[in-house]
Amino acid sequence: MVDETIEADYHETDGERRLRFARDGQTAVVAQNIDGYAMVAVRRNATGTELERYYGFDMALDHAAELLGVDPAALPVPDEAADMGM
């Protein structure tokens, strides 16, 4: 069940696709190269240090949820970001 207290937004830059989650002052970002074929990285914020890389989007979401202290199923994933990961 999606948690209504979690904000999610999707943004593309010249080099990356970024999915940002925010809850209670904490953020987690899942990022992938703009071409969409590389591993996804998890960071605390959009330009922060990479914490981990994953082949699977689900594993990256698990890590993002852990950083926010929520169940992965609670993360609202915008349609534009649903195809991230390999």
PDB file of N, CA and C in Angstrom:
ATOM      1  N   MET A   1       0.839  -1.178   0.000  1.00  0.00           N
ATOM      2  CA  MET A   1       0.000   0.000   0.000  1.00  0.00           C
ATOM      3  C   MET A   1       0.885   1.242   0.000  1.00  0.00           C
ATOM      4  N   VAL A   2       0.618   2.143  -0.934  1.00  0.00           N
ATOM      5  CA  VAL A   2       1.393   3.375  -1.070  1.00  0.00           C
ATOM      6  C   VAL A   2       1.134   4.285   0.128  1.00  0.00           C
ATOM      7  N   ASP A   3       2.211   4.857   0.645  1.00  0.00           N
ATOM      8  CA  ASP A   3       2.143   5.757   1.797  1.00  0.00           C
ATOM      9  C   ASP A   3       1.973   7.187   1.290  1.00  0.00           C
ATOM     10  N   GLU A   4       0.873   7.819   1.642  1.00  0.00           N
ATOM     11  CA  GLU A   4       0.570   9.178   1.190  1.00  0.00           C
ATOM     12  C   GLU A   4       1.510  10.231   1.777  1.00  0.00           C
ATOM     13  N   THR A   5       2.283   9.891   2.809  1.00  0.00           N
ATOM     14  CA  THR A   5       3.199  10.860   3.408  1.00  0.00           C
ATOM     15  C   THR A   5       4.548  10.908   2.690  1.00  0.00           C
ATOM     16  N   ILE A   6       4.732  10.040   1.713  1.00  0.00           N
ATOM     17  CA  ILE A   6       5.990  10.004   0.954  1.00  0.00           C
ATOM     18  C   ILE A   6       5.798  10.781  -0.342  1.00  0.00           C
ATOM     19  N   GLU A   7       6.660  11.766  -0.543  1.00  0.00           N
ATOM     20  CA  GLU A   7       6.650  12.523  -1.796  1.00  0.00           C
ATOM     21  C   GLU A   7       7.551  11.802  -2.789  1.00  0.00           C
ATOM     22  N   ALA A   8       7.141  11.773  -4.042  1.00  0.00           N
ATOM     23  CA  ALA A   8       7.965  11.186  -5.086  1.00  0.00           C
ATOM     24  C   ALA A   8       7.931  12.093  -6.303  1.00  0.00           C
ATOM     25  N   ASP A   9       9.108  12.326  -6.894  1.00  0.00           N
ATOM     26  CA  ASP A   9       9.128  13.072  -8.143  1.00  0.00           C
ATOM     27  C   ASP A   9      10.203  12.503  -9.049  1.00  0.00           C
ATOM     28  N   TYR A  10       9.940  12.590 -10.334  1.00  0.00           N
ATOM     29  CA  TYR A  10      10.833  12.074 -11.363  1.00  0.00           C
ATOM     30  C   TYR A  10      11.346  13.252 -12.172  1.00  0.00           C
ATOM     31  N   HIS A  11      12.652  13.248 -12.451  1.00  0.00           N
ATOM     32  CA  HIS A  11      13.270  14.357 -13.177  1.00  0.00           C
ATOM     33  C   HIS A  11      14.365  13.804 -14.077  1.00  0.00           C
ATOM     34  N   GLU A  12      14.488  14.359 -15.264  1.00  0.00           N
ATOM     35  CA  GLU A  12      15.576  13.992 -16.162  1.00  0.00           C
ATOM     36  C   GLU A  12      16.507  15.183 -16.345  1.00  0.00           C
ATOM     37  N   THR A  13      17.812  14.911 -16.285  1.00  0.00           N
ATOM     38  CA  THR A  13      18.831  15.914 -16.563  1.00  0.00           C
ATOM     39  C   THR A  13      19.467  15.544 -17.901  1.00  0.00           C
ATOM     40  N   ASP A  14      20.519  16.238 -18.280  1.00  0.00           N
ATOM     41  CA  ASP A  14      21.220  15.895 -19.518  1.00  0.00           C
ATOM     42  C   ASP A  14      21.848  14.509 -19.455  1.00  0.00           C
ATOM     43  N   GLY A  15      22.165  14.041 -18.254  1.00  0.00           N
ATOM     44  CA  GLY A  15      22.865  12.768 -18.135  1.00  0.00           C
ATOM     45  C   GLY A  15      22.181  11.694 -17.319  1.00  0.00           C
ATOM     46  N   GLU A  16      21.132  12.047 -16.570  1.00  0.00           N
ATOM     47  CA  GLU A  16      20.526  11.068 -15.662  1.00  0.00           C
ATOM     48  C   GLU A  16      19.005  11.151 -15.620  1.00  0.00           C
ATOM     49  N   ARG A  17      18.454  10.020 -15.241  1.00  0.00           N
ATOM     50  CA  ARG A  17      17.050   9.937 -14.854  1.00  0.00           C
ATOM     51  C   ARG A  17      17.072   9.822 -13.327  1.00  0.00           C
ATOM     52  N   ARG A  18      16.286  10.638 -12.635  1.00  0.00           N
ATOM     53  CA  ARG A  18      16.318  10.632 -11.167  1.00  0.00           C
ATOM     54  C   ARG A  18      14.917  10.499 -10.595  1.00  0.00           C
ATOM     55  N   LEU A  19      14.789   9.585  -9.674  1.00  0.00           N
ATOM     56  CA  LEU A  19      13.552   9.382  -8.929  1.00  0.00           C
ATOM     57  C   LEU A  19      13.858   9.710  -7.477  1.00  0.00           C
ATOM     58  N   ARG A  20      13.232  10.770  -6.965  1.00  0.00           N
ATOM     59  CA  ARG A  20      13.510  11.227  -5.601  1.00  0.00           C
ATOM     60  C   ARG A  20      12.307  10.938  -4.713  1.00  0.00           C
ATOM     61  N   PHE A  21      12.596  10.386  -3.554  1.00  0.00           N
ATOM     62  CA  PHE A  21      11.583  10.161  -2.526  1.00  0.00           C
ATOM     63  C   PHE A  21      11.926  11.024  -1.317  1.00  0.00           C
ATOM     64  N   ALA A  22      10.928  11.580  -0.662  1.00  0.00           N
ATOM     65  CA  ALA A  22      11.141  12.386   0.539  1.00  0.00           C
ATOM     66  C   ALA A  22      10.070  12.039   1.566  1.00  0.00           C
ATOM     67  N   ARG A  23      10.510  11.958   2.810  1.00  0.00           N
ATOM     68  CA  ARG A  23       9.597  11.677   3.932  1.00  0.00           C
ATOM     69  C   ARG A  23      10.232  12.180   5.217  1.00  0.00           C
ATOM     70  N   ASP A  24       9.499  12.952   5.969  1.00  0.00           N
ATOM     71  CA  ASP A  24       9.951  13.431   7.277  1.00  0.00           C
ATOM     72  C   ASP A  24      11.353  14.046   7.244  1.00  0.00           C
ATOM     73  N   GLY A  25      11.640  14.844   6.225  1.00  0.00           N
ATOM     74  CA  GLY A  25      12.930  15.517   6.134  1.00  0.00           C
ATOM     75  C   GLY A  25      14.062  14.667   5.587  1.00  0.00           C
ATOM     76  N   GLN A  26      13.812  13.409   5.286  1.00  0.00           N
ATOM     77  CA  GLN A  26      14.821  12.510   4.732  1.00  0.00           C
ATOM     78  C   GLN A  26      14.561  12.334   3.237  1.00  0.00           C
ATOM     79  N   THR A  27      15.618  12.160   2.463  1.00  0.00           N
ATOM     80  CA  THR A  27      15.455  11.898   1.041  1.00  0.00           C
ATOM     81  C   THR A  27      16.269  10.690   0.622  1.00  0.00           C
ATOM     82  N   ALA A  28      15.822  10.078  -0.461  1.00  0.00           N
ATOM     83  CA  ALA A  28      16.539   8.987  -1.116  1.00  0.00           C
ATOM     84  C   ALA A  28      16.314   9.158  -2.607  1.00  0.00           C
ATOM     85  N   VAL A  29      17.385   9.009  -3.386  1.00  0.00           N
ATOM     86  CA  VAL A  29      17.308   9.187  -4.827  1.00  0.00           C
ATOM     87  C   VAL A  29      17.796   7.924  -5.515  1.00  0.00           C
ATOM     88  N   VAL A  30      17.018   7.472  -6.492  1.00  0.00           N
ATOM     89  CA  VAL A  30      17.415   6.370  -7.356  1.00  0.00           C
ATOM     90  C   VAL A  30      17.740   7.012  -8.699  1.00  0.00           C
ATOM     91  N   ALA A  31      18.954   6.786  -9.203  1.00  0.00           N
ATOM     92  CA  ALA A  31      19.398   7.442 -10.432  1.00  0.00           C
ATOM     93  C   ALA A  31      19.930   6.421 -11.428  1.00  0.00           C
ATOM     94  N   GLN A  32      19.691   6.720 -12.708  1.00  0.00           N
ATOM     95  CA  GLN A  32      20.160   5.864 -13.795  1.00  0.00           C
ATOM     96  C   GLN A  32      20.596   6.769 -14.940  1.00  0.00           C
ATOM     97  N   ASN A  33      21.517   6.286 -15.784  1.00  0.00           N
ATOM     98  CA  ASN A  33      21.939   7.142 -16.892  1.00  0.00           C
ATOM     99  C   ASN A  33      20.747   7.416 -17.804  1.00  0.00           C
ATOM    100  N   ILE A  34      20.834   8.471 -18.563  1.00  0.00           N
ATOM    101  CA  ILE A  34      19.715   8.941 -19.380  1.00  0.00           C
ATOM    102  C   ILE A  34      19.300   7.921 -20.434  1.00  0.00           C
ATOM    103  N   ASP A  35      20.233   7.069 -20.856  1.00  0.00           N
ATOM    104  CA  ASP A  35      19.913   6.058 -21.858  1.00  0.00           C
ATOM    105  C   ASP A  35      19.089   4.912 -21.279  1.00  0.00           C
ATOM    106  N   GLY A  36      19.087   4.798 -19.954  1.00  0.00           N
ATOM    107  CA  GLY A  36      18.241   3.816 -19.295  1.00  0.00           C
ATOM    108  C   GLY A  36      18.712   2.385 -19.346  1.00  0.00           C
ATOM    109  N   TYR A  37      19.998   2.146 -19.620  1.00  0.00           N
ATOM    110  CA  TYR A  37      20.453   0.760 -19.688  1.00  0.00           C
ATOM    111  C   TYR A  37      21.463   0.391 -18.609  1.00  0.00           C
ATOM    112  N   ALA A  38      21.902   1.323 -17.821  1.00  0.00           N
ATOM    113  CA  ALA A  38      22.922   1.056 -16.809  1.00  0.00           C
ATOM    114  C   ALA A  38      22.296   0.676 -15.463  1.00  0.00           C
ATOM    115  N   MET A  39      23.150   0.253 -14.557  1.00  0.00           N
ATOM    116  CA  MET A  39      22.706  -0.034 -13.201  1.00  0.00           C
ATOM    117  C   MET A  39      22.129   1.238 -12.585  1.00  0.00           C
ATOM    118  N   VAL A  40      21.287   1.058 -11.587  1.00  0.00           N
ATOM    119  CA  VAL A  40      20.723   2.208 -10.889  1.00  0.00           C
ATOM    120  C   VAL A  40      21.492   2.432  -9.594  1.00  0.00           C
ATOM    121  N   ALA A  41      21.695   3.693  -9.265  1.00  0.00           N
ATOM    122  CA  ALA A  41      22.440   4.076  -8.064  1.00  0.00           C
ATOM    123  C   ALA A  41      21.466   4.620  -7.031  1.00  0.00           C
ATOM    124  N   VAL A  42      21.788   4.415  -5.774  1.00  0.00           N
ATOM    125  CA  VAL A  42      21.004   4.977  -4.678  1.00  0.00           C
ATOM    126  C   VAL A  42      21.873   5.987  -3.962  1.00  0.00           C
ATOM    127  N   ARG A  43      21.300   7.168  -3.730  1.00  0.00           N
ATOM    128  CA  ARG A  43      21.996   8.257  -3.039  1.00  0.00           C
ATOM    129  C   ARG A  43      21.060   8.866  -2.003  1.00  0.00           C
ATOM    130  N   ARG A  44      21.623   9.668  -1.132  1.00  0.00           N
ATOM    131  CA  ARG A  44      20.806  10.411  -0.156  1.00  0.00           C
ATOM    132  C   ARG A  44      20.128  11.613  -0.802  1.00  0.00           C
ATOM    133  N   ASN A  45      20.763  12.185  -1.833  1.00  0.00           N
ATOM    134  CA  ASN A  45      20.165  13.310  -2.555  1.00  0.00           C
ATOM    135  C   ASN A  45      20.649  13.254  -4.004  1.00  0.00           C
ATOM    136  N   ALA A  46      20.144  14.153  -4.838  1.00  0.00           N
ATOM    137  CA  ALA A  46      20.389  14.084  -6.277  1.00  0.00           C
ATOM    138  C   ALA A  46      21.862  14.102  -6.656  1.00  0.00           C
ATOM    139  N   THR A  47      22.663  14.890  -5.973  1.00  0.00           N
ATOM    140  CA  THR A  47      24.072  15.005  -6.335  1.00  0.00           C
ATOM    141  C   THR A  47      25.005  14.415  -5.286  1.00  0.00           C
ATOM    142  N   GLY A  48      24.440  13.697  -4.340  1.00  0.00           N
ATOM    143  CA  GLY A  48      25.234  13.134  -3.257  1.00  0.00           C
ATOM    144  C   GLY A  48      26.068  11.936  -3.666  1.00  0.00           C
ATOM    145  N   THR A  49      26.840  11.465  -2.729  1.00  0.00           N
ATOM    146  CA  THR A  49      27.687  10.303  -2.926  1.00  0.00           C
ATOM    147  C   THR A  49      26.837   9.061  -3.122  1.00  0.00           C
ATOM    148  N   GLU A  50      27.214   8.277  -4.087  1.00  0.00           N
ATOM    149  CA  GLU A  50      26.520   7.020  -4.356  1.00  0.00           C
ATOM    150  C   GLU A  50      26.718   6.076  -3.174  1.00  0.00           C
ATOM    151  N   LEU A  51      25.615   5.530  -2.670  1.00  0.00           N
ATOM    152  CA  LEU A  51      25.690   4.588  -1.557  1.00  0.00           C
ATOM    153  C   LEU A  51      25.832   3.152  -2.049  1.00  0.00           C
ATOM    154  N   GLU A  52      25.167   2.853  -3.162  1.00  0.00           N
ATOM    155  CA  GLU A  52      25.163   1.486  -3.698  1.00  0.00           C
ATOM    156  C   GLU A  52      24.640   1.519  -5.123  1.00  0.00           C
ATOM    157  N   ARG A  53      24.994   0.492  -5.914  1.00  0.00           N
ATOM    158  CA  ARG A  53      24.464   0.308  -7.276  1.00  0.00           C
ATOM    159  C   ARG A  53      23.765  -1.044  -7.362  1.00  0.00           C
ATOM    160  N   TYR A  54      22.713  -1.072  -8.144  1.00  0.00           N
ATOM    161  CA  TYR A  54      21.932  -2.296  -8.306  1.00  0.00           C
ATOM    162  C   TYR A  54      21.578  -2.509  -9.764  1.00  0.00           C
ATOM    163  N   TYR A  55      21.493  -3.784 -10.171  1.00  0.00           N
ATOM    164  CA  TYR A  55      20.989  -4.108 -11.504  1.00  0.00           C
ATOM    165  C   TYR A  55      19.474  -3.967 -11.527  1.00  0.00           C
ATOM    166  N   GLY A  56      18.836  -4.376 -10.464  1.00  0.00           N
ATOM    167  CA  GLY A  56      17.384  -4.380 -10.425  1.00  0.00           C
ATOM    168  C   GLY A  56      16.797  -3.157  -9.751  1.00  0.00           C
ATOM    169  N   PHE A  57      15.749  -2.625 -10.351  1.00  0.00           N
ATOM    170  CA  PHE A  57      15.038  -1.482  -9.799  1.00  0.00           C
ATOM    171  C   PHE A  57      14.439  -1.831  -8.442  1.00  0.00           C
ATOM    172  N   ASP A  58      13.918  -3.051  -8.314  1.00  0.00           N
ATOM    173  CA  ASP A  58      13.307  -3.466  -7.043  1.00  0.00           C
ATOM    174  C   ASP A  58      14.306  -3.414  -5.893  1.00  0.00           C
ATOM    175  N   MET A  59      15.537  -3.835  -6.161  1.00  0.00           N
ATOM    176  CA  MET A  59      16.558  -3.805  -5.102  1.00  0.00           C
ATOM    177  C   MET A  59      16.900  -2.369  -4.729  1.00  0.00           C
ATOM    178  N   ALA A  60      16.945  -1.487  -5.723  1.00  0.00           N
ATOM    179  CA  ALA A  60      17.212  -0.072  -5.444  1.00  0.00           C
ATOM    180  C   ALA A  60      16.069   0.531  -4.626  1.00  0.00           C
ATOM    181  N   LEU A  61      14.842   0.162  -4.960  1.00  0.00           N
ATOM    182  CA  LEU A  61      13.697   0.650  -4.184  1.00  0.00           C
ATOM    183  C   LEU A  61      13.741   0.126  -2.754  1.00  0.00           C
ATOM    184  N   ASP A  62      14.167  -1.119  -2.575  1.00  0.00           N
ATOM    185  CA  ASP A  62      14.311  -1.668  -1.217  1.00  0.00           C
ATOM    186  C   ASP A  62      15.276  -0.816  -0.400  1.00  0.00           C
ATOM    187  N   HIS A  63      16.403  -0.444  -1.008  1.00  0.00           N
ATOM    188  CA  HIS A  63      17.405   0.366  -0.310  1.00  0.00           C
ATOM    189  C   HIS A  63      16.857   1.763  -0.011  1.00  0.00           C
ATOM    190  N   ALA A  64      16.182   2.372  -0.991  1.00  0.00           N
ATOM    191  CA  ALA A  64      15.597   3.700  -0.779  1.00  0.00           C
ATOM    192  C   ALA A  64      14.580   3.653   0.360  1.00  0.00           C
ATOM    193  N   ALA A  65      13.764   2.622   0.374  1.00  0.00           N
ATOM    194  CA  ALA A  65      12.763   2.475   1.439  1.00  0.00           C
ATOM    195  C   ALA A  65      13.439   2.316   2.797  1.00  0.00           C
ATOM    196  N   GLU A  66      14.527   1.564   2.844  1.00  0.00           N
ATOM    197  CA  GLU A  66      15.267   1.386   4.091  1.00  0.00           C
ATOM    198  C   GLU A  66      15.794   2.732   4.597  1.00  0.00           C
ATOM    199  N   LEU A  67      16.320   3.559   3.687  1.00  0.00           N
ATOM    200  CA  LEU A  67      16.822   4.873   4.074  1.00  0.00           C
ATOM    201  C   LEU A  67      15.717   5.758   4.657  1.00  0.00           C
ATOM    202  N   LEU A  68      14.499   5.575   4.170  1.00  0.00           N
ATOM    203  CA  LEU A  68      13.365   6.374   4.644  1.00  0.00           C
ATOM    204  C   LEU A  68      12.617   5.719   5.801  1.00  0.00           C
ATOM    205  N   GLY A  69      12.966   4.482   6.107  1.00  0.00           N
ATOM    206  CA  GLY A  69      12.312   3.781   7.207  1.00  0.00           C
ATOM    207  C   GLY A  69      10.890   3.340   6.895  1.00  0.00           C
ATOM    208  N   VAL A  70      10.658   2.951   5.633  1.00  0.00           N
ATOM    209  CA  VAL A  70       9.321   2.504   5.224  1.00  0.00           C
ATOM    210  C   VAL A  70       9.414   1.180   4.489  1.00  0.00           C
ATOM    211  N   ASP A  71       8.275   0.554   4.283  1.00  0.00           N
ATOM    212  CA  ASP A  71       8.182  -0.662   3.490  1.00  0.00           C
ATOM    213  C   ASP A  71       8.337  -0.293   2.012  1.00  0.00           C
ATOM    214  N   PRO A  72       9.061  -1.079   1.228  1.00  0.00           N
ATOM    215  CA  PRO A  72       9.217  -0.756  -0.195  1.00  0.00           C
ATOM    216  C   PRO A  72       7.891  -0.605  -0.943  1.00  0.00           C
ATOM    217  N   ALA A  73       6.887  -1.343  -0.546  1.00  0.00           N
ATOM    218  CA  ALA A  73       5.582  -1.248  -1.197  1.00  0.00           C
ATOM    219  C   ALA A  73       4.917   0.099  -0.951  1.00  0.00           C
ATOM    220  N   ALA A  74       5.408   0.849   0.024  1.00  0.00           N
ATOM    221  CA  ALA A  74       4.828   2.154   0.347  1.00  0.00           C
ATOM    222  C   ALA A  74       5.329   3.261  -0.576  1.00  0.00           C
ATOM    223  N   LEU A  75       6.394   2.984  -1.351  1.00  0.00           N
ATOM    224  CA  LEU A  75       6.970   4.014  -2.211  1.00  0.00           C
ATOM    225  C   LEU A  75       6.102   4.236  -3.449  1.00  0.00           C
ATOM    226  N   PRO A  76       5.666   5.461  -3.667  1.00  0.00           N
ATOM    227  CA  PRO A  76       4.879   5.761  -4.870  1.00  0.00           C
ATOM    228  C   PRO A  76       5.814   5.992  -6.061  1.00  0.00           C
ATOM    229  N   VAL A  77       5.777   5.115  -7.045  1.00  0.00           N
ATOM    230  CA  VAL A  77       6.656   5.231  -8.206  1.00  0.00           C
ATOM    231  C   VAL A  77       5.868   5.841  -9.363  1.00  0.00           C
ATOM    232  N   PRO A  78       6.267   7.037  -9.803  1.00  0.00           N
ATOM    233  CA  PRO A  78       5.595   7.662 -10.945  1.00  0.00           C
ATOM    234  C   PRO A  78       5.720   6.791 -12.195  1.00  0.00           C
ATOM    235  N   ASP A  79       4.741   6.828 -13.061  1.00  0.00           N
ATOM    236  CA  ASP A  79       4.747   6.010 -14.275  1.00  0.00           C
ATOM    237  C   ASP A  79       6.015   6.195 -15.101  1.00  0.00           C
ATOM    238  N   GLU A  80       6.549   7.416 -15.173  1.00  0.00           N
ATOM    239  CA  GLU A  80       7.735   7.696 -15.980  1.00  0.00           C
ATOM    240  C   GLU A  80       8.964   6.928 -15.503  1.00  0.00           C
ATOM    241  N   ALA A  81       8.975   6.546 -14.233  1.00  0.00           N
ATOM    242  CA  ALA A  81      10.129   5.874 -13.648  1.00  0.00           C
ATOM    243  C   ALA A  81       9.959   4.362 -13.552  1.00  0.00           C
ATOM    244  N   ALA A  82       8.825   3.842 -13.944  1.00  0.00           N
ATOM    245  CA  ALA A  82       8.519   2.423 -13.742  1.00  0.00           C
ATOM    246  C   ALA A  82       9.468   1.485 -14.498  1.00  0.00           C
ATOM    247  N   ASP A  83      10.148   1.980 -15.537  1.00  0.00           N
ATOM    248  CA  ASP A  83      11.019   1.114 -16.335  1.00  0.00           C
ATOM    249  C   ASP A  83      12.498   1.273 -15.982  1.00  0.00           C
ATOM    250  N   MET A  84      12.811   1.893 -14.874  1.00  0.00           N
ATOM    251  CA  MET A  84      14.223   2.046 -14.482  1.00  0.00           C
ATOM    252  C   MET A  84      14.808   0.705 -14.090  1.00  0.00           C
ATOM    253  N   GLY A  85      16.103   0.568 -14.225  1.00  0.00           N
ATOM    254  CA  GLY A  85      16.797  -0.683 -13.903  1.00  0.00           C
ATOM    255  C   GLY A  85      16.978  -1.530 -15.143  1.00  0.00           C
ATOM    256  N   MET A  86      17.769  -2.576 -14.996  1.00  0.00           N
ATOM    257  CA  MET A  86      18.039  -3.437 -16.153  1.00  0.00           C
ATOM    258  C   MET A  86      17.096  -4.615 -16.191  1.00  0.00           C
TER     259      MET A  86
END
